[in-house]
Amino acid sequence: MIRAEGKPLPIAYDLDDSALVRDLGEAPRTPLERGIRETIEIFERLHRAGRLDTRDLEE
């Protein structure tokens, strides 16, 4: 289960990217499921390598 406390992060989810596309070209888009899977894999790899501090997580 994922939990968060405190004020919500001010993440803009619906920004106009037309200036970015104009200046740099179309950026690759990652489907949500793939992005979540890749993020989990990164955290698992860091944890296995002993490079992820989990002291602030509940048992």
Foldseek 3Di string as FASTA:
>chain_A
DDDDDDDDDPDDDDDDCPVVCVVPNDDDDDDPVRVVVVVVVVVVVCVVVVNDDPPVPDD
